[in-house]
Amino acid sequence: MAAPCEANGAEWTIGRLLNWTSEFLASHGVDEARLAGEVLLAHAANCRRIDLYARFDRPLDGEQLDRFREWVRRAAAREPIAYLVEEKEFFSLAFRVTPDVLVPRPETELLVECALDHCAKTGLTEPKLLDLGTGSGCIAVSVLTQLAGATAVATDVSPAALDVARFNVDRHGVADRLLLVEADRLALPDGVVPEGGFDMLLSNPPYINPDTMDGLDSTVRDFEPRIALTDGEDGLSFYRSIAADAPRLLAPGGVAMVEVADCQAAAAVEVVEATGRFAHKETRADRVVGQERLLVFSLAPKA
C-alpha cells in the first residue's frame, strides 16, 4: 500500500487519505482506526469531522499534509490520538488534553451523570463540589456547565495539569465558579473549604496497582502520566485517604463518588467503609462492557 508521503502520481485527496489511513492504522493495532483517521484528518484540515465527507475530492495543502503524515506516523506507534491533536470530547464538550493529564474516557462520564442525578433527586440547586485529582478538569467543568448554581474546588498535585485545567475552565466559561488548587490528596490549603462543607466529592483517582502497570495497553502505559495512573502502592490508597480525611470536608449528608478499576469495586468498598464514617450507597457499571466502575458513599451521621 503506497504511503501518502510517496509521489506516485495520484493526488492525495481527503477521501483517499482517509481510506488509506484507516487501513494503515488498523494494521498497526490502533483501536477504532476509521475514527482515529477522521479525527487526525479533520484537525489537519482545520475542519469538523462531518465536513470531511463534503470535501472528499479536495487535497490537503503541503503544510497540512506534512502535519497529517507526522500524526499518522506517531499514531501508528501507539501515541494517543488525543495527545496528537491536543483535544478530546467528554460529555459532549471539547477539552484540551496534553501528556500532563489523563485522556478523558467515556466511563468517567458516569461521575458526571451520577452527580447530576444526585442533585436532581435531592433538590440540590447550588451544590458545592470537590473534584479530587482534576487533571484536565473535565469532571468539574462538565457538572458546572449543566448546573448554573453549582460551584467547585478542583485540586491536583501537578501544576502542569492545573494549567491544562485552567485552559478548559476558561474555555467553557466557568472560571467564576471553579477554583483550581494545587494540593496533595485532601490536604487542602486554608480558606478553600466552603462554609458548611462540600456537598459532593468526585474523584477519578490513581487506582492502578503498580504491579499491573506492565499489563496496560501501551497507549496508556507509555504515554499517559504515571502519577495519574497509579498510587505507587496497591491501587487503594486514595480510597483510604478519602475515607479518613473527607468527612471533615463534607457537609452533613454529603456524598463521595469515586471511579474504580476493573474488579476493584469490592475492595474499595471495604476500604472506605472500614472507618465507619461512610456507607456504600450505590454501584454503577459502565455501559460498554458492564464493568462495575463507580461507587457512591454517603456520609454517616456522627454518633
Protein backbone atom coordinates (compact mmCIF):
# COMPACT_ATOMS: atom_id res chain seq x y z
CA MET A 1 0.00 0.00 0.00
CA ALA A 2 1.53 3.29 -1.11
CA ALA A 3 2.05 5.77 1.68
CA PRO A 4 0.81 9.37 1.43
CA CYS A 5 4.36 10.63 1.52
CA GLU A 6 5.16 8.94 -1.78
CA ALA A 7 4.82 10.77 -5.06
CA ASN A 8 3.21 8.06 -7.23
CA GLY A 9 1.25 10.35 -9.50
CA ALA A 10 -2.09 10.14 -7.69
CA GLU A 11 -3.37 13.16 -5.82
CA TRP A 12 -3.86 12.62 -2.10
CA THR A 13 -7.41 13.86 -1.68
CA ILE A 14 -9.15 13.80 1.67
CA GLY A 15 -11.16 10.74 0.66
CA ARG A 16 -8.10 8.81 -0.45
CA LEU A 17 -6.15 9.85 2.65
CA LEU A 18 -8.95 8.72 4.94
CA ASN A 19 -9.27 5.32 3.32
CA TRP A 20 -5.51 4.74 3.33
CA THR A 21 -5.12 5.91 6.93
CA SER A 22 -7.95 3.73 8.23
CA GLU A 23 -6.31 0.62 6.77
CA PHE A 24 -2.82 1.66 7.87
CA LEU A 25 -3.79 2.38 11.47
CA ALA A 26 -5.86 -0.80 11.71
CA SER A 27 -2.84 -2.80 10.53
CA HIS A 28 -0.89 -1.29 13.44
CA GLY A 29 -3.50 -2.27 16.03
CA VAL A 30 -4.98 1.18 16.59
CA ASP A 31 -8.48 0.94 18.09
CA GLU A 32 -11.32 2.47 16.07
CA ALA A 33 -8.92 3.15 13.21
CA ARG A 34 -11.51 4.85 11.00
CA LEU A 35 -12.49 7.27 13.75
CA ALA A 36 -8.83 7.92 14.57
CA GLY A 37 -8.16 8.75 10.94
CA GLU A 38 -11.14 11.09 10.80
CA VAL A 39 -10.04 12.94 13.93
CA LEU A 40 -6.47 13.38 12.68
CA LEU A 41 -7.56 14.41 9.20
CA ALA A 42 -10.16 16.90 10.44
CA HIS A 43 -7.61 18.60 12.68
CA ALA A 44 -5.02 18.66 9.91
CA ALA A 45 -7.56 20.19 7.51
CA ASN A 46 -8.91 22.60 10.17
CA CYS A 47 -12.48 21.42 9.77
CA ARG A 48 -15.09 19.39 11.60
CA ARG A 49 -15.14 15.62 11.15
CA ILE A 50 -18.54 15.80 9.48
CA ASP A 51 -17.17 18.28 6.94
CA LEU A 52 -14.61 15.77 5.66
CA TYR A 53 -17.33 13.98 3.72
CA ALA A 54 -18.20 17.14 1.79
CA ARG A 55 -14.53 17.59 0.87
CA PHE A 56 -13.63 14.08 -0.28
CA ASP A 57 -12.23 15.27 -3.60
CA ARG A 58 -10.13 18.09 -2.15
CA PRO A 59 -6.42 17.71 -1.43
CA LEU A 60 -4.61 18.94 1.66
CA ASP A 61 -2.07 21.68 1.13
CA GLY A 62 1.59 20.91 1.69
CA GLU A 63 1.74 22.07 5.29
CA GLN A 64 -1.45 20.22 6.21
CA LEU A 65 -0.23 17.04 4.56
CA ASP A 66 3.10 17.19 6.37
CA ARG A 67 1.33 17.62 9.69
CA PHE A 68 -1.05 14.78 8.92
CA ARG A 69 1.75 12.41 7.89
CA GLU A 70 3.60 13.07 11.14
CA TRP A 71 0.49 12.45 13.22
CA VAL A 72 -0.24 9.19 11.40
CA ARG A 73 3.33 8.00 12.00
CA ARG A 74 3.04 8.74 15.72
CA ALA A 75 -0.45 7.24 15.98
CA ALA A 76 0.86 4.03 14.42
CA ALA A 77 3.49 3.99 17.18
CA ARG A 78 0.53 3.95 19.64
CA GLU A 79 0.70 7.57 20.78
CA PRO A 80 -2.83 8.58 21.87
CA ILE A 81 -4.78 10.47 19.22
CA ALA A 82 -5.96 12.96 21.84
CA TYR A 83 -2.38 13.99 22.62
CA LEU A 84 -1.58 14.46 18.94
CA VAL A 85 -4.48 16.85 18.34
CA GLU A 86 -4.48 18.14 21.94
CA GLU A 87 -8.22 17.63 22.29
CA LYS A 88 -10.76 15.06 23.45
CA GLU A 89 -14.54 15.14 23.67
CA PHE A 90 -16.07 14.43 27.07
CA PHE A 91 -19.73 14.77 28.00
CA SER A 92 -20.30 16.42 24.59
CA LEU A 93 -17.71 19.13 25.37
CA ALA A 94 -14.26 19.61 23.82
CA PHE A 95 -11.39 19.53 26.31
CA ARG A 96 -7.77 20.37 25.77
CA VAL A 97 -5.51 17.48 26.77
CA THR A 98 -1.73 17.12 26.90
CA PRO A 99 0.57 14.36 28.19
CA ASP A 100 0.34 16.11 31.59
CA VAL A 101 -3.21 14.79 32.09
CA LEU A 102 -5.14 11.59 31.53
CA VAL A 103 -7.14 11.29 28.34
CA PRO A 104 -10.81 11.64 29.40
CA ARG A 105 -12.71 8.39 28.90
CA PRO A 106 -16.41 7.59 28.41
CA GLU A 107 -16.62 5.55 31.61
CA THR A 108 -15.63 8.62 33.64
CA GLU A 109 -18.76 10.35 32.37
CA LEU A 110 -20.57 8.17 34.94
CA LEU A 111 -19.23 10.53 37.62
CA VAL A 112 -20.86 13.49 35.93
CA GLU A 113 -24.13 11.65 35.36
CA CYS A 114 -24.25 10.43 38.95
CA ALA A 115 -23.57 13.91 40.33
CA LEU A 116 -26.38 15.36 38.22
CA ASP A 117 -28.74 12.55 39.24
CA HIS A 118 -27.93 13.13 42.91
CA CYS A 119 -28.68 16.84 42.63
CA ALA A 120 -31.96 16.15 40.84
CA LYS A 121 -33.08 13.58 43.43
CA THR A 122 -32.12 15.66 46.47
CA GLY A 123 -33.17 19.04 45.12
CA LEU A 124 -29.65 20.48 45.31
CA THR A 125 -29.67 23.54 43.04
CA GLU A 126 -26.46 25.10 44.31
CA PRO A 127 -24.20 22.12 45.10
CA LYS A 128 -20.66 22.66 46.32
CA LEU A 129 -18.28 20.17 44.70
CA LEU A 130 -14.78 18.97 45.43
CA ASP A 131 -13.06 17.39 42.41
CA LEU A 132 -10.06 15.46 43.74
CA GLY A 133 -7.28 14.97 41.16
CA THR A 134 -8.95 17.04 38.47
CA GLY A 135 -6.46 16.52 35.63
CA SER A 136 -7.96 18.20 32.58
CA GLY A 137 -10.84 19.48 34.69
CA CYS A 138 -13.34 17.51 32.63
CA ILE A 139 -15.43 16.24 35.56
CA ALA A 140 -15.93 19.51 37.44
CA VAL A 141 -16.30 21.60 34.30
CA SER A 142 -18.91 19.24 32.85
CA VAL A 143 -21.01 19.35 36.02
CA LEU A 144 -20.81 23.15 36.22
CA THR A 145 -21.90 23.59 32.61
CA GLN A 146 -25.05 21.58 33.44
CA LEU A 147 -25.82 23.23 36.79
CA ALA A 148 -25.77 27.01 36.72
CA GLY A 149 -25.84 27.26 40.52
CA ALA A 150 -23.04 24.80 41.18
CA THR A 151 -19.59 25.82 42.45
CA ALA A 152 -16.47 23.72 42.73
CA VAL A 153 -12.96 23.42 44.06
CA ALA A 154 -10.78 21.25 41.81
CA THR A 155 -7.41 20.02 43.04
CA ASP A 156 -4.36 18.40 41.56
CA VAL A 157 -0.82 17.78 42.79
CA SER A 158 0.57 18.61 39.33
CA PRO A 159 1.00 22.30 38.40
CA ALA A 160 1.19 21.29 34.73
CA ALA A 161 -2.15 19.51 34.99
CA LEU A 162 -3.69 22.58 36.61
CA ASP A 163 -2.51 24.68 33.66
CA VAL A 164 -4.43 22.36 31.33
CA ALA A 165 -7.48 22.50 33.58
CA ARG A 166 -7.29 26.29 33.69
CA PHE A 167 -7.46 26.44 29.89
CA ASN A 168 -10.59 24.25 29.93
CA VAL A 169 -12.19 26.20 32.76
CA ASP A 170 -11.77 29.42 30.77
CA ARG A 171 -12.82 27.75 27.53
CA HIS A 172 -16.17 26.71 28.96
CA GLY A 173 -16.86 29.90 30.87
CA VAL A 174 -16.96 28.58 34.44
CA ALA A 175 -13.93 30.38 35.90
CA ASP A 176 -16.15 32.43 38.22
CA ARG A 177 -17.50 29.25 39.83
CA LEU A 178 -14.49 26.94 39.88
CA LEU A 179 -11.37 27.36 41.99
CA LEU A 180 -8.26 25.42 40.96
CA VAL A 181 -5.97 24.47 43.84
CA GLU A 182 -2.62 22.70 43.96
CA ALA A 183 -2.93 20.12 46.72
CA ASP A 184 -1.77 16.61 47.57
CA ARG A 185 -4.80 14.43 48.05
CA LEU A 186 -7.09 16.05 50.67
CA ALA A 187 -4.52 18.36 52.25
CA LEU A 188 -6.38 21.48 51.16
CA PRO A 189 -4.97 24.93 51.96
CA ASP A 190 -6.78 27.22 54.34
CA GLY A 191 -9.72 29.17 53.05
CA VAL A 192 -10.88 26.91 50.20
CA VAL A 193 -13.41 24.72 52.00
CA PRO A 194 -16.84 26.41 51.72
CA GLU A 195 -18.85 27.24 54.79
CA GLY A 196 -20.73 24.13 55.85
CA GLY A 197 -18.54 21.85 53.75
CA PHE A 198 -18.80 20.28 50.30
CA ASP A 199 -21.98 18.52 49.22
CA MET A 200 -20.12 16.10 46.96
CA LEU A 201 -16.63 14.77 46.49
CA LEU A 202 -15.95 13.49 42.97
CA SER A 203 -12.77 11.68 42.02
CA ASN A 204 -11.18 9.53 39.35
CA PRO A 205 -8.06 8.80 41.42
CA PRO A 206 -4.87 6.93 40.51
CA TYR A 207 -6.11 3.38 41.09
CA ILE A 208 -3.81 1.10 39.12
CA ASN A 209 -1.75 -1.30 41.21
CA PRO A 210 1.88 -0.73 40.17
CA ASP A 211 2.33 -4.49 39.83
CA THR A 212 -0.15 -4.46 36.94
CA MET A 213 1.20 -1.43 35.08
CA ASP A 214 3.17 -3.55 32.60
CA GLY A 215 -0.06 -5.21 31.50
CA LEU A 216 -1.71 -1.96 30.43
CA ASP A 217 -2.16 -1.12 26.78
CA SER A 218 0.93 0.66 25.50
CA THR A 219 -1.09 3.76 24.58
CA VAL A 220 -1.78 4.19 28.29
CA ARG A 221 1.36 2.74 29.89
CA ASP A 222 3.88 4.53 27.69
CA PHE A 223 2.23 7.91 27.22
CA GLU A 224 -0.21 8.87 29.98
CA PRO A 225 1.17 10.42 33.20
CA ARG A 226 2.14 7.69 35.64
CA ILE A 227 1.27 9.87 38.63
CA ALA A 228 -2.35 9.95 37.43
CA LEU A 229 -2.49 6.21 36.78
CA THR A 230 -1.03 4.56 39.87
CA ASP A 231 -0.71 5.45 43.54
CA GLY A 232 2.58 3.55 43.70
CA GLU A 233 1.13 1.34 46.44
CA ASP A 234 -1.73 -1.12 45.99
CA GLY A 235 -4.19 0.96 43.97
CA LEU A 236 -6.38 1.57 47.02
CA SER A 237 -4.50 4.27 48.94
CA PHE A 238 -6.58 7.16 47.58
CA TYR A 239 -9.75 5.46 48.82
CA ARG A 240 -8.14 5.17 52.25
CA SER A 241 -7.33 8.88 52.14
CA ILE A 242 -10.90 9.72 51.19
CA ALA A 243 -12.28 7.52 53.97
CA ALA A 244 -10.00 9.12 56.55
CA ASP A 245 -9.99 12.78 55.50
CA ALA A 246 -13.15 13.51 53.50
CA PRO A 247 -15.59 13.50 56.46
CA ARG A 248 -14.12 16.74 57.82
CA LEU A 249 -14.59 18.41 54.43
CA LEU A 250 -18.14 17.26 53.62
CA ALA A 251 -21.41 18.81 54.68
CA PRO A 252 -23.86 16.72 56.73
CA GLY A 253 -25.42 14.25 54.31
CA GLY A 254 -22.55 14.71 51.90
CA VAL A 255 -21.57 12.02 49.41
CA ALA A 256 -18.36 10.75 47.82
CA MET A 257 -18.43 9.43 44.26
CA VAL A 258 -15.33 7.61 43.02
CA GLU A 259 -14.26 5.72 39.94
CA VAL A 260 -12.63 2.32 40.44
CA ALA A 261 -10.54 -0.06 38.35
CA ASP A 262 -11.79 -3.33 36.86
CA CYS A 263 -12.59 -5.87 39.59
CA GLN A 264 -11.67 -3.33 42.30
CA ALA A 265 -15.15 -2.32 43.49
CA ALA A 266 -15.46 -4.78 46.38
CA ALA A 267 -12.01 -3.96 47.76
CA ALA A 268 -12.67 -0.22 47.52
CA VAL A 269 -15.99 -0.57 49.34
CA GLU A 270 -14.29 -2.48 52.14
CA VAL A 271 -11.55 0.14 52.47
CA VAL A 272 -13.93 3.10 52.58
CA GLU A 273 -16.44 1.54 54.95
CA ALA A 274 -13.72 0.37 57.35
CA THR A 275 -13.59 3.74 59.14
CA GLY A 276 -17.29 3.66 59.91
CA ARG A 277 -17.72 7.19 58.54
CA PHE A 278 -19.14 6.20 55.15
CA ALA A 279 -21.80 3.77 53.98
CA HIS A 280 -21.82 2.27 50.49
CA LYS A 281 -24.89 3.62 48.75
CA GLU A 282 -24.69 2.66 45.07
CA THR A 283 -22.58 0.93 42.42
CA ARG A 284 -22.84 1.79 38.74
CA ALA A 285 -21.45 -0.18 35.80
CA ASP A 286 -20.18 1.29 32.57
CA ARG A 287 -22.38 0.88 29.52
CA VAL A 288 -19.68 -0.57 27.26
CA VAL A 289 -18.71 -3.84 28.97
CA GLY A 290 -20.85 -3.72 32.11
CA GLN A 291 -17.86 -3.46 34.46
CA GLU A 292 -18.53 -2.04 37.93
CA ARG A 293 -16.90 1.38 37.62
CA LEU A 294 -18.46 3.89 40.01
CA LEU A 295 -19.08 3.77 43.74
CA VAL A 296 -21.22 6.18 45.76
CA PHE A 297 -20.81 6.55 49.51
CA SER A 298 -22.94 8.59 51.87
CA LEU A 299 -21.51 10.27 54.92
CA ALA A 300 -22.78 8.54 58.02
CA PRO A 301 -24.22 10.70 60.79
CA LYS A 302 -21.91 11.29 63.71
CA ALA A 303 -22.66 9.04 66.66
